Amino acid sequence: MYAERTSRLTGAVVWTNEPVAGPAAARPVLPDGCMDLLWDGERLLVAGPDTRPYLPEGPARRWAGVRLRPGTAPVLLGVPAYELLDQRVELADLWPVARVRRLRDRMAAADPATALEGIALDAAARAPAPEPWVHRLVRRLDEGRPVAATAAELGLGTRTLHRRCLGAFGYGPKTLARVLRLRRALALARAGVPYAETAIRAGYADQPHLAREVRELAGMPLGRLLGGR
């Protein structure tokens, strides 16, 4: 069973996911522009930015996570996002082992979600603030603004913007725009908006365009993704 709440860390979400009884199939984790700090009961992990659906492997287990807003995790972790693209890595591969060992002890002695949020807050307090262009870019692309126009608004050339996006998001601004558009479309469809209207409101050319993008980024048709709608 999945549950989430707004974090005390600006823009972040704290979530938990506990296995449910019965043969329910695991649901894929879809690209959303975010990176997550994770706890699986034994290990501290980092989920890098996704460009394809990720299906958890192994037996079902209880997870806790902090989902960091797009573009913020690399500053907190001290590693460029492209190094973690489509990967789940142990935090001990990114931070000193002794530090991570102390954090694991901290996790084991407290509520996992609360402790994980504390780790993220501590990391944010030590890290410099993300550059202002990061959140401006996300806002503009999430509004459906074209990449070239957004780059011009930010005072950046398209090549410079692409290079900076690799470090902040793991991929270029066009991929980021596609991921954010998918996120908008899924929110509309889950709210019951008809698919054809969802496509137009989310910024797709038409419903077939929406269907192609969902298959490519989510790995399955929209109706199956939404549980048969």
Foldseek 3Di string as FASTA:
>chain_A
DKDWDDAPPPPKIKMKDADDDDDDAFAWDFFQLWKKFKDFPQFTKIQAGEQATHTDDDDTGMMIIMIHHHQFVCQLQVFFRLVRYRHIGTSVVRDPPVVRVVLSVQCVVDPNRVSNSVSSVVSVVVGDGGDPLRVVLLVCLLQVHDPCVSCVVVVHDQVVQQVVCCRRRVGGSVSSSLSSLLVQLLVCVLVPDDQQVSCVVSHHPGSVRNQVSCCSRHVDGPCVSSPND
